N, C-alpha and C. Protein backbone atom coordinates (compact mmCIF):
# COMPACT_ATOMS: atom_id res chain seq x y z
N GLN A 1 0.81 -1.21 0.00
CA GLN A 1 0.00 0.00 0.00
C GLN A 1 0.85 1.27 0.00
N LEU A 2 2.03 1.20 0.53
CA LEU A 2 2.96 2.31 0.59
C LEU A 2 2.39 3.49 1.37
N ILE A 3 1.67 4.45 0.70
CA ILE A 3 1.25 5.68 1.39
C ILE A 3 -0.24 5.95 1.30
N PHE A 4 -1.02 5.09 0.63
CA PHE A 4 -2.40 5.44 0.33
C PHE A 4 -3.34 5.10 1.48
N GLY A 5 -4.64 5.54 1.36
CA GLY A 5 -5.44 5.74 2.55
C GLY A 5 -6.46 4.73 3.00
N GLN A 6 -6.69 4.74 4.31
CA GLN A 6 -7.78 4.02 4.96
C GLN A 6 -8.47 5.02 5.89
N THR A 7 -9.74 4.77 6.21
CA THR A 7 -10.47 5.71 7.05
C THR A 7 -11.29 5.00 8.13
N LEU A 8 -11.56 5.76 9.19
CA LEU A 8 -12.38 5.26 10.30
C LEU A 8 -13.23 6.40 10.84
N ARG A 9 -14.55 6.17 10.92
CA ARG A 9 -15.41 7.14 11.58
C ARG A 9 -15.09 7.11 13.07
N ILE A 10 -14.87 8.27 13.66
CA ILE A 10 -14.52 8.33 15.08
C ILE A 10 -15.71 7.83 15.90
N PRO A 11 -15.52 6.82 16.74
CA PRO A 11 -16.62 6.27 17.53
C PRO A 11 -17.34 7.35 18.34
N GLY A 12 -18.67 7.38 18.22
CA GLY A 12 -19.47 8.35 18.94
C GLY A 12 -19.51 9.73 18.31
N ASP A 13 -18.88 9.88 17.14
CA ASP A 13 -18.82 11.17 16.46
C ASP A 13 -19.08 10.96 14.97
N ASN A 14 -20.31 11.21 14.52
CA ASN A 14 -20.67 10.98 13.13
C ASN A 14 -20.18 12.07 12.18
N GLU A 15 -19.58 13.11 12.71
CA GLU A 15 -19.15 14.25 11.89
C GLU A 15 -17.68 14.19 11.49
N HIS A 16 -16.90 13.34 12.15
CA HIS A 16 -15.46 13.35 11.91
C HIS A 16 -14.89 11.95 11.70
N PHE A 17 -13.77 11.91 10.98
CA PHE A 17 -13.13 10.66 10.62
C PHE A 17 -11.63 10.76 10.87
N LEU A 18 -11.00 9.60 10.93
CA LEU A 18 -9.54 9.53 10.96
C LEU A 18 -9.07 8.94 9.64
N ILE A 19 -8.04 9.53 9.07
CA ILE A 19 -7.44 9.02 7.84
C ILE A 19 -5.93 9.02 8.03
N ASN A 20 -5.25 8.05 7.44
CA ASN A 20 -3.81 8.02 7.61
C ASN A 20 -3.16 9.21 6.90
N ARG A 21 -2.12 9.72 7.51
CA ARG A 21 -1.41 10.88 6.97
C ARG A 21 -0.80 10.52 5.61
N TYR A 22 -1.10 11.33 4.61
CA TYR A 22 -0.62 11.09 3.25
C TYR A 22 0.89 11.28 3.19
N GLY A 23 1.57 10.27 2.65
CA GLY A 23 3.02 10.37 2.49
C GLY A 23 3.81 9.55 3.49
N ILE A 24 3.11 8.95 4.47
CA ILE A 24 3.78 8.11 5.45
C ILE A 24 3.57 6.65 5.07
N ALA A 25 4.66 5.91 4.92
CA ALA A 25 4.55 4.50 4.55
C ALA A 25 3.84 3.72 5.66
N PHE A 26 3.08 2.70 5.27
CA PHE A 26 2.28 1.97 6.24
C PHE A 26 3.13 1.27 7.29
N ASP A 27 4.31 0.80 6.89
CA ASP A 27 5.13 0.10 7.88
C ASP A 27 5.79 1.06 8.86
N ARG A 28 5.59 2.37 8.66
CA ARG A 28 6.10 3.37 9.59
C ARG A 28 4.97 4.19 10.22
N MET A 29 3.75 3.82 9.93
CA MET A 29 2.60 4.57 10.43
C MET A 29 2.42 4.37 11.93
N ARG A 30 2.13 5.47 12.62
CA ARG A 30 1.86 5.43 14.06
C ARG A 30 0.52 6.09 14.34
N ALA A 31 0.02 5.90 15.54
CA ALA A 31 -1.27 6.50 15.91
C ALA A 31 -1.23 8.01 15.76
N SER A 32 -0.08 8.61 16.03
CA SER A 32 0.04 10.07 15.92
C SER A 32 0.03 10.57 14.48
N ASP A 33 0.09 9.64 13.52
CA ASP A 33 0.03 10.02 12.10
C ASP A 33 -1.40 9.99 11.55
N LEU A 34 -2.37 9.68 12.39
CA LEU A 34 -3.77 9.69 11.96
C LEU A 34 -4.29 11.12 11.98
N VAL A 35 -4.94 11.52 10.90
CA VAL A 35 -5.40 12.90 10.73
C VAL A 35 -6.91 12.97 10.91
N ARG A 36 -7.38 13.89 11.73
CA ARG A 36 -8.81 14.08 11.96
C ARG A 36 -9.37 15.01 10.89
N ILE A 37 -10.41 14.54 10.19
CA ILE A 37 -11.03 15.33 9.12
C ILE A 37 -12.54 15.36 9.30
N ASP A 38 -13.20 16.34 8.65
CA ASP A 38 -14.66 16.39 8.70
C ASP A 38 -15.24 15.70 7.47
N LYS A 39 -16.56 15.75 7.33
CA LYS A 39 -17.24 15.04 6.25
C LYS A 39 -16.84 15.54 4.86
N SER A 40 -16.33 16.76 4.80
CA SER A 40 -15.92 17.34 3.51
C SER A 40 -14.44 17.13 3.22
N GLY A 41 -13.76 16.45 4.13
CA GLY A 41 -12.34 16.19 3.94
C GLY A 41 -11.43 17.28 4.44
N ASN A 42 -11.98 18.25 5.16
CA ASN A 42 -11.17 19.34 5.71
C ASN A 42 -10.45 18.88 6.97
N VAL A 43 -9.18 19.16 7.04
CA VAL A 43 -8.37 18.76 8.19
C VAL A 43 -8.80 19.55 9.43
N GLN A 44 -9.03 18.84 10.53
CA GLN A 44 -9.49 19.46 11.77
C GLN A 44 -8.41 19.45 12.85
N ASP A 45 -7.22 19.04 12.47
CA ASP A 45 -6.11 18.93 13.42
C ASP A 45 -5.09 20.02 13.09
N LEU A 46 -4.78 20.87 14.04
CA LEU A 46 -3.85 21.98 13.82
C LEU A 46 -2.43 21.51 13.52
N ASN A 47 -2.15 20.25 13.81
CA ASN A 47 -0.81 19.73 13.56
C ASN A 47 -0.58 19.37 12.09
N PHE A 48 -1.67 19.39 11.30
CA PHE A 48 -1.56 18.99 9.90
C PHE A 48 -2.19 20.04 8.99
N THR A 49 -1.82 20.01 7.70
CA THR A 49 -2.45 20.85 6.69
C THR A 49 -3.30 19.97 5.79
N ASP A 50 -4.03 20.58 4.85
CA ASP A 50 -4.86 19.81 3.93
C ASP A 50 -4.03 18.89 3.04
N LEU A 51 -2.75 19.18 2.90
CA LEU A 51 -1.87 18.33 2.10
C LEU A 51 -1.65 16.97 2.75
N ALA A 52 -2.07 16.83 4.00
CA ALA A 52 -1.90 15.56 4.71
C ALA A 52 -2.94 14.53 4.31
N VAL A 53 -3.90 14.92 3.46
CA VAL A 53 -5.00 14.03 3.07
C VAL A 53 -4.95 13.73 1.58
N ASN A 54 -5.08 12.46 1.23
CA ASN A 54 -5.15 12.03 -0.16
C ASN A 54 -6.55 12.32 -0.69
N ALA A 55 -6.67 13.29 -1.60
CA ALA A 55 -7.99 13.72 -2.09
C ALA A 55 -8.75 12.59 -2.76
N ALA A 56 -8.09 11.81 -3.60
CA ALA A 56 -8.77 10.71 -4.30
C ALA A 56 -9.25 9.66 -3.31
N GLY A 57 -8.42 9.38 -2.31
CA GLY A 57 -8.81 8.41 -1.30
C GLY A 57 -10.03 8.86 -0.53
N PHE A 58 -10.10 10.15 -0.23
CA PHE A 58 -11.24 10.64 0.54
C PHE A 58 -12.52 10.60 -0.27
N VAL A 59 -12.47 10.85 -1.58
CA VAL A 59 -13.67 10.77 -2.42
C VAL A 59 -14.30 9.39 -2.31
N ILE A 60 -13.47 8.36 -2.41
CA ILE A 60 -13.98 6.99 -2.35
C ILE A 60 -14.50 6.67 -0.95
N HIS A 61 -13.70 6.95 0.06
CA HIS A 61 -14.07 6.58 1.42
C HIS A 61 -15.28 7.37 1.92
N SER A 62 -15.31 8.66 1.64
CA SER A 62 -16.41 9.48 2.13
C SER A 62 -17.73 9.06 1.53
N ALA A 63 -17.71 8.60 0.28
CA ALA A 63 -18.94 8.14 -0.36
C ALA A 63 -19.55 7.00 0.44
N VAL A 64 -18.71 6.06 0.85
CA VAL A 64 -19.19 4.90 1.60
C VAL A 64 -19.63 5.31 3.00
N HIS A 65 -18.83 6.12 3.67
CA HIS A 65 -19.19 6.55 5.02
C HIS A 65 -20.52 7.30 5.05
N HIS A 66 -20.75 8.17 4.08
CA HIS A 66 -21.98 8.96 4.06
C HIS A 66 -23.21 8.09 3.83
N ALA A 67 -23.05 7.05 3.00
CA ALA A 67 -24.21 6.24 2.61
C ALA A 67 -24.46 5.05 3.53
N ARG A 68 -23.42 4.58 4.21
CA ARG A 68 -23.54 3.35 4.98
C ARG A 68 -23.12 3.57 6.43
N GLU A 69 -24.10 3.68 7.31
CA GLU A 69 -23.80 3.85 8.73
C GLU A 69 -23.09 2.63 9.31
N ASP A 70 -23.30 1.47 8.68
CA ASP A 70 -22.69 0.24 9.19
C ASP A 70 -21.23 0.09 8.75
N MET A 71 -20.75 1.01 7.92
CA MET A 71 -19.37 0.94 7.43
C MET A 71 -18.54 2.04 8.10
N ALA A 72 -18.32 1.88 9.39
CA ALA A 72 -17.56 2.89 10.14
C ALA A 72 -16.09 2.89 9.74
N CYS A 73 -15.58 1.74 9.32
CA CYS A 73 -14.20 1.64 8.86
C CYS A 73 -14.21 1.18 7.41
N VAL A 74 -13.45 1.86 6.57
CA VAL A 74 -13.35 1.50 5.15
C VAL A 74 -11.89 1.28 4.80
N ILE A 75 -11.60 0.14 4.19
CA ILE A 75 -10.24 -0.20 3.77
C ILE A 75 -10.23 -0.35 2.25
N HIS A 76 -9.29 0.33 1.62
CA HIS A 76 -9.17 0.29 0.16
C HIS A 76 -7.71 0.00 -0.19
N THR A 77 -7.47 -1.05 -0.97
CA THR A 77 -6.10 -1.47 -1.27
C THR A 77 -5.84 -1.53 -2.77
N HIS A 78 -4.54 -1.49 -3.11
CA HIS A 78 -4.10 -1.60 -4.50
C HIS A 78 -3.03 -2.68 -4.62
N THR A 79 -3.25 -3.82 -4.00
CA THR A 79 -2.25 -4.89 -4.04
C THR A 79 -2.17 -5.47 -5.44
N ALA A 80 -1.05 -6.13 -5.75
CA ALA A 80 -0.86 -6.72 -7.07
C ALA A 80 -1.96 -7.73 -7.39
N ALA A 81 -2.27 -8.59 -6.42
CA ALA A 81 -3.30 -9.61 -6.66
C ALA A 81 -4.68 -9.00 -6.78
N GLY A 82 -4.98 -8.02 -5.94
CA GLY A 82 -6.29 -7.37 -5.99
C GLY A 82 -6.51 -6.64 -7.29
N VAL A 83 -5.52 -5.88 -7.74
CA VAL A 83 -5.64 -5.16 -9.00
C VAL A 83 -5.70 -6.13 -10.17
N ALA A 84 -4.93 -7.21 -10.09
CA ALA A 84 -4.94 -8.20 -11.17
C ALA A 84 -6.34 -8.79 -11.36
N VAL A 85 -6.97 -9.19 -10.27
CA VAL A 85 -8.32 -9.75 -10.37
C VAL A 85 -9.31 -8.68 -10.82
N SER A 86 -9.11 -7.45 -10.38
CA SER A 86 -10.01 -6.37 -10.78
C SER A 86 -9.94 -6.11 -12.28
N ALA A 87 -8.83 -6.50 -12.91
CA ALA A 87 -8.65 -6.30 -14.34
C ALA A 87 -9.15 -7.48 -15.17
N GLN A 88 -9.54 -8.56 -14.51
CA GLN A 88 -10.04 -9.74 -15.22
C GLN A 88 -11.55 -9.64 -15.41
N LYS A 89 -12.02 -9.86 -16.63
CA LYS A 89 -13.44 -9.71 -16.93
C LYS A 89 -14.32 -10.59 -16.06
N GLU A 90 -13.83 -11.79 -15.71
CA GLU A 90 -14.63 -12.72 -14.91
C GLU A 90 -14.78 -12.27 -13.47
N GLY A 91 -13.92 -11.35 -13.04
CA GLY A 91 -13.96 -10.93 -11.65
C GLY A 91 -13.49 -12.04 -10.73
N LEU A 92 -14.00 -12.05 -9.51
CA LEU A 92 -13.59 -13.06 -8.53
C LEU A 92 -14.26 -14.39 -8.84
N LEU A 93 -13.45 -15.40 -9.08
CA LEU A 93 -13.98 -16.73 -9.41
C LEU A 93 -14.17 -17.57 -8.15
N PRO A 94 -15.20 -18.41 -8.12
CA PRO A 94 -15.47 -19.25 -6.94
C PRO A 94 -14.61 -20.50 -6.93
N ILE A 95 -13.30 -20.30 -6.84
CA ILE A 95 -12.38 -21.44 -6.94
C ILE A 95 -11.69 -21.77 -5.62
N SER A 96 -11.99 -21.04 -4.57
CA SER A 96 -11.37 -21.31 -3.27
C SER A 96 -12.39 -21.05 -2.17
N GLN A 97 -12.10 -21.60 -1.01
CA GLN A 97 -13.00 -21.37 0.13
C GLN A 97 -13.05 -19.89 0.48
N HIS A 98 -11.90 -19.22 0.36
CA HIS A 98 -11.88 -17.78 0.64
C HIS A 98 -12.82 -17.04 -0.31
N ALA A 99 -12.78 -17.40 -1.59
CA ALA A 99 -13.62 -16.72 -2.58
C ALA A 99 -15.10 -17.01 -2.38
N LEU A 100 -15.41 -18.21 -1.90
CA LEU A 100 -16.82 -18.58 -1.73
C LEU A 100 -17.49 -17.78 -0.62
N LYS A 101 -16.72 -17.19 0.24
CA LYS A 101 -17.30 -16.26 1.23
C LYS A 101 -18.04 -15.14 0.52
N TYR A 102 -17.58 -14.78 -0.68
CA TYR A 102 -18.14 -13.64 -1.42
C TYR A 102 -19.03 -14.06 -2.58
N TYR A 103 -19.42 -15.32 -2.62
CA TYR A 103 -20.28 -15.79 -3.71
C TYR A 103 -21.62 -15.07 -3.66
N ASN A 104 -21.92 -14.33 -4.71
CA ASN A 104 -23.14 -13.50 -4.79
C ASN A 104 -23.18 -12.42 -3.71
N ARG A 105 -22.04 -12.12 -3.12
CA ARG A 105 -21.99 -11.13 -2.04
C ARG A 105 -20.85 -10.14 -2.23
N ILE A 106 -20.56 -9.82 -3.49
CA ILE A 106 -19.51 -8.84 -3.77
C ILE A 106 -19.98 -7.91 -4.87
N ALA A 107 -19.60 -6.66 -4.76
CA ALA A 107 -20.02 -5.65 -5.74
C ALA A 107 -18.85 -5.31 -6.67
N TYR A 108 -19.19 -4.69 -7.80
CA TYR A 108 -18.18 -4.24 -8.77
C TYR A 108 -18.49 -2.80 -9.17
N HIS A 109 -17.42 -2.02 -9.33
CA HIS A 109 -17.57 -0.63 -9.77
C HIS A 109 -16.63 -0.39 -10.95
N THR A 110 -17.18 0.10 -12.06
CA THR A 110 -16.40 0.33 -13.27
C THR A 110 -15.41 1.47 -13.08
N TYR A 111 -14.23 1.28 -13.61
CA TYR A 111 -13.18 2.29 -13.48
C TYR A 111 -13.54 3.55 -14.26
N GLU A 112 -13.40 4.71 -13.62
CA GLU A 112 -13.72 5.99 -14.24
C GLU A 112 -12.52 6.93 -14.28
N GLY A 113 -11.34 6.42 -13.97
CA GLY A 113 -10.15 7.26 -13.85
C GLY A 113 -9.85 7.51 -12.38
N ILE A 114 -8.84 8.31 -12.10
CA ILE A 114 -8.50 8.63 -10.71
C ILE A 114 -9.70 9.30 -10.05
N ALA A 115 -10.07 8.80 -8.88
CA ALA A 115 -11.33 9.22 -8.23
C ALA A 115 -11.19 10.59 -7.58
N LEU A 116 -11.21 11.63 -8.40
CA LEU A 116 -11.12 12.99 -7.88
C LEU A 116 -12.44 13.74 -7.96
N SER A 117 -13.40 13.20 -8.71
CA SER A 117 -14.68 13.89 -8.89
C SER A 117 -15.72 13.43 -7.87
N PRO A 118 -16.30 14.36 -7.11
CA PRO A 118 -17.36 14.00 -6.17
C PRO A 118 -18.57 13.36 -6.86
N ASP A 119 -18.72 13.60 -8.18
CA ASP A 119 -19.85 13.04 -8.91
C ASP A 119 -19.81 11.51 -8.92
N GLU A 120 -18.63 10.95 -8.76
CA GLU A 120 -18.50 9.49 -8.81
C GLU A 120 -19.06 8.83 -7.56
N ARG A 121 -19.19 9.58 -6.49
CA ARG A 121 -19.64 9.00 -5.22
C ARG A 121 -20.97 8.28 -5.36
N GLU A 122 -21.93 8.93 -6.01
CA GLU A 122 -23.27 8.35 -6.13
C GLU A 122 -23.23 7.03 -6.87
N ARG A 123 -22.46 6.96 -7.94
CA ARG A 123 -22.37 5.72 -8.72
C ARG A 123 -21.66 4.63 -7.92
N LEU A 124 -20.65 5.00 -7.19
CA LEU A 124 -19.91 4.03 -6.40
C LEU A 124 -20.80 3.43 -5.33
N VAL A 125 -21.55 4.27 -4.65
CA VAL A 125 -22.45 3.80 -3.59
C VAL A 125 -23.56 2.92 -4.16
N ALA A 126 -24.09 3.30 -5.32
CA ALA A 126 -25.13 2.50 -5.96
C ALA A 126 -24.60 1.12 -6.31
N ASP A 127 -23.36 1.06 -6.78
CA ASP A 127 -22.77 -0.24 -7.13
C ASP A 127 -22.51 -1.08 -5.88
N LEU A 128 -22.10 -0.44 -4.80
CA LEU A 128 -21.82 -1.17 -3.57
C LEU A 128 -23.07 -1.81 -3.00
N GLY A 129 -24.20 -1.11 -3.06
CA GLY A 129 -25.44 -1.65 -2.54
C GLY A 129 -25.34 -1.96 -1.06
N THR A 130 -25.73 -3.18 -0.69
CA THR A 130 -25.70 -3.58 0.72
C THR A 130 -24.48 -4.43 1.06
N HIS A 131 -23.58 -4.59 0.10
CA HIS A 131 -22.40 -5.45 0.32
C HIS A 131 -21.36 -4.77 1.21
N ARG A 132 -20.49 -5.59 1.77
CA ARG A 132 -19.37 -5.08 2.56
C ARG A 132 -18.05 -5.20 1.81
N ALA A 133 -18.11 -5.72 0.60
CA ALA A 133 -16.88 -5.89 -0.19
C ALA A 133 -17.16 -5.51 -1.64
N MET A 134 -16.18 -4.86 -2.26
CA MET A 134 -16.35 -4.44 -3.65
C MET A 134 -15.00 -4.50 -4.37
N ILE A 135 -15.07 -4.91 -5.63
CA ILE A 135 -13.90 -4.86 -6.50
C ILE A 135 -14.05 -3.64 -7.39
N LEU A 136 -13.07 -2.74 -7.30
CA LEU A 136 -13.05 -1.55 -8.15
C LEU A 136 -12.29 -1.93 -9.42
N ARG A 137 -12.98 -2.04 -10.52
CA ARG A 137 -12.40 -2.52 -11.77
C ARG A 137 -11.13 -1.74 -12.13
N ASN A 138 -10.08 -2.49 -12.50
CA ASN A 138 -8.80 -1.90 -12.92
C ASN A 138 -8.18 -1.00 -11.86
N HIS A 139 -8.55 -1.23 -10.60
CA HIS A 139 -8.13 -0.32 -9.54
C HIS A 139 -7.72 -1.05 -8.27
N GLY A 140 -8.61 -1.86 -7.70
CA GLY A 140 -8.26 -2.53 -6.46
C GLY A 140 -9.46 -3.05 -5.71
N LEU A 141 -9.30 -3.18 -4.40
CA LEU A 141 -10.33 -3.77 -3.54
C LEU A 141 -10.80 -2.76 -2.50
N LEU A 142 -12.03 -2.94 -2.06
CA LEU A 142 -12.59 -2.09 -1.00
C LEU A 142 -13.46 -2.95 -0.10
N THR A 143 -13.27 -2.81 1.20
CA THR A 143 -14.13 -3.49 2.17
C THR A 143 -14.44 -2.54 3.32
N GLY A 144 -15.42 -2.91 4.11
CA GLY A 144 -15.77 -2.09 5.26
C GLY A 144 -16.49 -2.90 6.31
N GLY A 145 -16.72 -2.25 7.45
CA GLY A 145 -17.42 -2.91 8.53
C GLY A 145 -17.66 -1.94 9.67
N PRO A 146 -18.37 -2.36 10.70
CA PRO A 146 -18.70 -1.48 11.82
C PRO A 146 -17.50 -1.12 12.69
N THR A 147 -16.43 -1.92 12.62
CA THR A 147 -15.21 -1.64 13.37
C THR A 147 -14.00 -1.96 12.49
N VAL A 148 -12.83 -1.59 12.98
CA VAL A 148 -11.60 -1.88 12.24
C VAL A 148 -11.41 -3.38 12.07
N LYS A 149 -11.68 -4.15 13.13
CA LYS A 149 -11.44 -5.59 13.03
C LYS A 149 -12.37 -6.25 12.02
N HIS A 150 -13.61 -5.76 11.89
CA HIS A 150 -14.52 -6.32 10.91
C HIS A 150 -14.07 -6.00 9.49
N ALA A 151 -13.66 -4.75 9.26
CA ALA A 151 -13.19 -4.36 7.94
C ALA A 151 -11.92 -5.11 7.57
N PHE A 152 -11.04 -5.29 8.56
CA PHE A 152 -9.80 -6.03 8.32
C PHE A 152 -10.09 -7.48 7.96
N HIS A 153 -11.03 -8.09 8.65
CA HIS A 153 -11.39 -9.48 8.36
C HIS A 153 -11.85 -9.61 6.91
N GLU A 154 -12.64 -8.65 6.46
CA GLU A 154 -13.14 -8.69 5.08
C GLU A 154 -12.00 -8.54 4.07
N ILE A 155 -11.12 -7.57 4.28
CA ILE A 155 -10.05 -7.34 3.31
C ILE A 155 -9.05 -8.49 3.32
N TYR A 156 -8.83 -9.09 4.49
CA TYR A 156 -7.91 -10.23 4.56
C TYR A 156 -8.44 -11.39 3.73
N MET A 157 -9.70 -11.72 3.91
CA MET A 157 -10.29 -12.84 3.18
C MET A 157 -10.35 -12.56 1.68
N LEU A 158 -10.71 -11.34 1.31
CA LEU A 158 -10.80 -10.99 -0.11
C LEU A 158 -9.42 -10.97 -0.77
N GLU A 159 -8.45 -10.42 -0.08
CA GLU A 159 -7.08 -10.40 -0.62
C GLU A 159 -6.54 -11.81 -0.82
N ARG A 160 -6.78 -12.68 0.14
CA ARG A 160 -6.32 -14.07 0.01
C ARG A 160 -7.01 -14.76 -1.17
N ALA A 161 -8.29 -14.49 -1.35
CA ALA A 161 -9.01 -15.07 -2.48
C ALA A 161 -8.40 -14.62 -3.80
N CYS A 162 -8.01 -13.36 -3.88
CA CYS A 162 -7.39 -12.83 -5.10
C CYS A 162 -6.01 -13.44 -5.32
N GLN A 163 -5.23 -13.57 -4.26
CA GLN A 163 -3.91 -14.17 -4.38
C GLN A 163 -4.02 -15.60 -4.90
N ILE A 164 -4.96 -16.34 -4.35
CA ILE A 164 -5.17 -17.73 -4.77
C ILE A 164 -5.57 -17.78 -6.23
N GLN A 165 -6.47 -16.90 -6.65
CA GLN A 165 -6.94 -16.90 -8.04
C GLN A 165 -5.80 -16.60 -9.01
N VAL A 166 -4.99 -15.61 -8.71
CA VAL A 166 -3.88 -15.26 -9.60
C VAL A 166 -2.90 -16.42 -9.72
N GLN A 167 -2.59 -17.07 -8.61
CA GLN A 167 -1.66 -18.19 -8.66
C GLN A 167 -2.26 -19.39 -9.37
N ALA A 168 -3.54 -19.65 -9.14
CA ALA A 168 -4.19 -20.78 -9.79
C ALA A 168 -4.23 -20.59 -11.30
N MET A 169 -4.53 -19.39 -11.75
CA MET A 169 -4.61 -19.11 -13.18
C MET A 169 -3.24 -19.13 -13.84
N SER A 170 -2.21 -18.82 -13.09
CA SER A 170 -0.86 -18.80 -13.66
C SER A 170 -0.36 -20.19 -14.00
N GLY A 171 -0.98 -21.22 -13.42
CA GLY A 171 -0.56 -22.59 -13.70
C GLY A 171 -0.95 -23.07 -15.08
N GLY A 172 -1.93 -22.41 -15.69
CA GLY A 172 -2.33 -22.77 -17.04
C GLY A 172 -3.27 -23.96 -17.15
N SER A 173 -3.57 -24.61 -16.03
CA SER A 173 -4.48 -25.76 -16.06
C SER A 173 -5.93 -25.30 -15.94
N GLU A 174 -6.85 -26.16 -16.38
CA GLU A 174 -8.27 -25.83 -16.25
C GLU A 174 -8.64 -25.76 -14.77
N LEU A 175 -9.40 -24.75 -14.41
CA LEU A 175 -9.77 -24.55 -13.02
C LEU A 175 -10.99 -25.38 -12.64
N ASN A 176 -10.99 -25.89 -11.42
CA ASN A 176 -12.12 -26.66 -10.93
C ASN A 176 -13.09 -25.72 -10.21
N ILE A 177 -14.31 -25.62 -10.72
CA ILE A 177 -15.33 -24.76 -10.13
C ILE A 177 -16.35 -25.63 -9.40
N PRO A 178 -16.56 -25.44 -8.12
CA PRO A 178 -17.57 -26.21 -7.40
C PRO A 178 -18.96 -25.97 -7.99
N SER A 179 -19.87 -26.90 -7.74
CA SER A 179 -21.24 -26.75 -8.23
C SER A 179 -21.89 -25.54 -7.57
N GLU A 180 -22.94 -25.02 -8.20
CA GLU A 180 -23.62 -23.86 -7.62
C GLU A 180 -24.19 -24.21 -6.25
N GLU A 181 -24.65 -25.44 -6.09
CA GLU A 181 -25.19 -25.86 -4.80
C GLU A 181 -24.13 -25.73 -3.70
N VAL A 182 -22.92 -26.19 -4.00
CA VAL A 182 -21.84 -26.11 -3.03
C VAL A 182 -21.44 -24.65 -2.78
N CYS A 183 -21.40 -23.86 -3.85
CA CYS A 183 -21.05 -22.44 -3.70
C CYS A 183 -22.04 -21.73 -2.79
N LEU A 184 -23.32 -21.96 -3.02
CA LEU A 184 -24.36 -21.31 -2.22
C LEU A 184 -24.31 -21.78 -0.77
N ARG A 185 -24.09 -23.08 -0.58
CA ARG A 185 -24.03 -23.61 0.78
C ARG A 185 -22.84 -23.03 1.55
N THR A 186 -21.70 -22.97 0.88
CA THR A 186 -20.50 -22.45 1.54
C THR A 186 -20.65 -20.97 1.88
N ALA A 187 -21.22 -20.21 0.95
CA ALA A 187 -21.46 -18.78 1.21
C ALA A 187 -22.39 -18.60 2.41
N ALA A 188 -23.41 -19.45 2.49
CA ALA A 188 -24.34 -19.38 3.62
C ALA A 188 -23.65 -19.76 4.92
N GLN A 189 -22.73 -20.73 4.85
CA GLN A 189 -21.98 -21.12 6.04
C GLN A 189 -21.12 -19.96 6.54
N PHE A 190 -20.49 -19.26 5.61
CA PHE A 190 -19.69 -18.10 5.99
C PHE A 190 -20.55 -17.03 6.63
N GLN A 191 -21.70 -16.78 6.05
CA GLN A 191 -22.59 -15.75 6.58
C GLN A 191 -23.03 -16.09 8.00
N ARG A 192 -23.22 -17.37 8.24
CA ARG A 192 -23.67 -17.82 9.55
C ARG A 192 -22.51 -17.93 10.55
N ASP A 193 -21.35 -18.38 10.05
CA ASP A 193 -20.25 -18.72 10.96
C ASP A 193 -19.20 -17.63 11.11
N ASP A 194 -19.35 -16.50 10.39
CA ASP A 194 -18.44 -15.37 10.59
C ASP A 194 -18.78 -14.71 11.93
N SER A 195 -18.56 -15.47 12.98
CA SER A 195 -18.98 -15.02 14.31
C SER A 195 -18.05 -13.95 14.86
N GLU A 196 -18.55 -13.23 15.84
CA GLU A 196 -17.75 -12.21 16.51
C GLU A 196 -16.50 -12.82 17.12
N HIS A 197 -16.64 -14.05 17.61
CA HIS A 197 -15.50 -14.72 18.25
C HIS A 197 -14.38 -14.96 17.25
N ILE A 198 -14.71 -15.49 16.07
CA ILE A 198 -13.69 -15.78 15.06
C ILE A 198 -13.01 -14.50 14.60
N ILE A 199 -13.82 -13.47 14.33
CA ILE A 199 -13.27 -12.19 13.86
C ILE A 199 -12.35 -11.58 14.92
N THR A 200 -12.75 -11.70 16.19
CA THR A 200 -11.96 -11.11 17.28
C THR A 200 -10.64 -11.83 17.48
N ILE A 201 -10.64 -13.15 17.49
CA ILE A 201 -9.38 -13.86 17.73
C ILE A 201 -8.43 -13.70 16.55
N ALA A 202 -8.97 -13.59 15.34
CA ALA A 202 -8.12 -13.35 14.17
C ALA A 202 -7.49 -11.96 14.25
N TRP A 203 -8.29 -10.97 14.67
CA TRP A 203 -7.79 -9.61 14.83
C TRP A 203 -6.73 -9.54 15.92
N ASP A 204 -6.97 -10.22 17.03
CA ASP A 204 -6.00 -10.23 18.13
C ASP A 204 -4.68 -10.86 17.67
N ALA A 205 -4.78 -11.90 16.84
CA ALA A 205 -3.57 -12.55 16.33
C ALA A 205 -2.79 -11.59 15.43
N ALA A 206 -3.52 -10.83 14.60
CA ALA A 206 -2.87 -9.85 13.73
C ALA A 206 -2.18 -8.77 14.55
N LEU A 207 -2.85 -8.30 15.60
CA LEU A 207 -2.27 -7.28 16.46
C LEU A 207 -1.00 -7.78 17.16
N SER A 208 -1.01 -9.05 17.54
CA SER A 208 0.17 -9.60 18.22
C SER A 208 1.37 -9.63 17.28
N LEU A 209 1.12 -9.87 15.99
CA LEU A 209 2.21 -9.84 15.01
C LEU A 209 2.79 -8.44 14.89
N ILE A 210 1.90 -7.44 14.89
CA ILE A 210 2.37 -6.05 14.81
C ILE A 210 3.16 -5.69 16.07
N GLU A 211 2.67 -6.12 17.23
CA GLU A 211 3.36 -5.84 18.49
C GLU A 211 4.78 -6.40 18.46
N ASP A 212 4.92 -7.59 17.89
CA ASP A 212 6.24 -8.23 17.84
C ASP A 212 7.18 -7.51 16.88
N GLN A 213 6.62 -6.97 15.79
CA GLN A 213 7.45 -6.40 14.74
C GLN A 213 7.65 -4.89 14.86
N ALA A 214 6.63 -4.19 15.37
CA ALA A 214 6.72 -2.72 15.43
C ALA A 214 5.79 -2.19 16.51
N SER A 215 6.19 -2.36 17.75
CA SER A 215 5.33 -1.96 18.87
C SER A 215 5.14 -0.44 18.95
N SER A 216 5.94 0.32 18.21
CA SER A 216 5.84 1.78 18.25
C SER A 216 4.61 2.31 17.52
N TYR A 217 3.82 1.43 16.88
CA TYR A 217 2.65 1.87 16.11
C TYR A 217 1.66 2.64 16.99
N ALA A 218 1.63 2.35 18.28
CA ALA A 218 0.65 2.98 19.16
C ALA A 218 1.08 4.37 19.63
N SER A 219 2.26 4.79 19.28
CA SER A 219 2.77 6.08 19.76
C SER A 219 2.25 7.26 18.95
């Protein structure tokens, strides 16, 4: 991800959000690098200027935040695997257990260029619908949830599904697609079994890895 943005609605405050400071690499990001902004993307922290916010990132994130109260945290990535799948006409294929989590439960948004126009917000939100995950064609991935851990769980599963798809297709062999019955059943199992407990312990495990590698993130 290098320097590009993620956002979080400040708990208990529907008027303001936190966005990562533009220009700071993610592996060096700390809590003090989070910038407080309002619904229009204006910086509300005297320690930063408007240059601290990625304008294109805010257009995408603000559209989701404004339309979806349940999407307090929005994660948008441009990983190699995510962009690769976003460029494939078939989109996400139901070829792995990770991908089946999103069977009939993922949205697509057509690429319109760098997202600098507020006019794109309405179309993006319409494409997202009620889903928590979306593939931005020729661009990347977007997920969200009521908390950071929920949004992270979604992006982790979607990213892994994309990685698996890219590697599977690179082998050149015919892909094995489960029957629609199996796809529907597995998707329903995910919807039922994506419990708070599983999401929480996975998030705690991810945090422990960060603590081991870069405990200064909280500073």
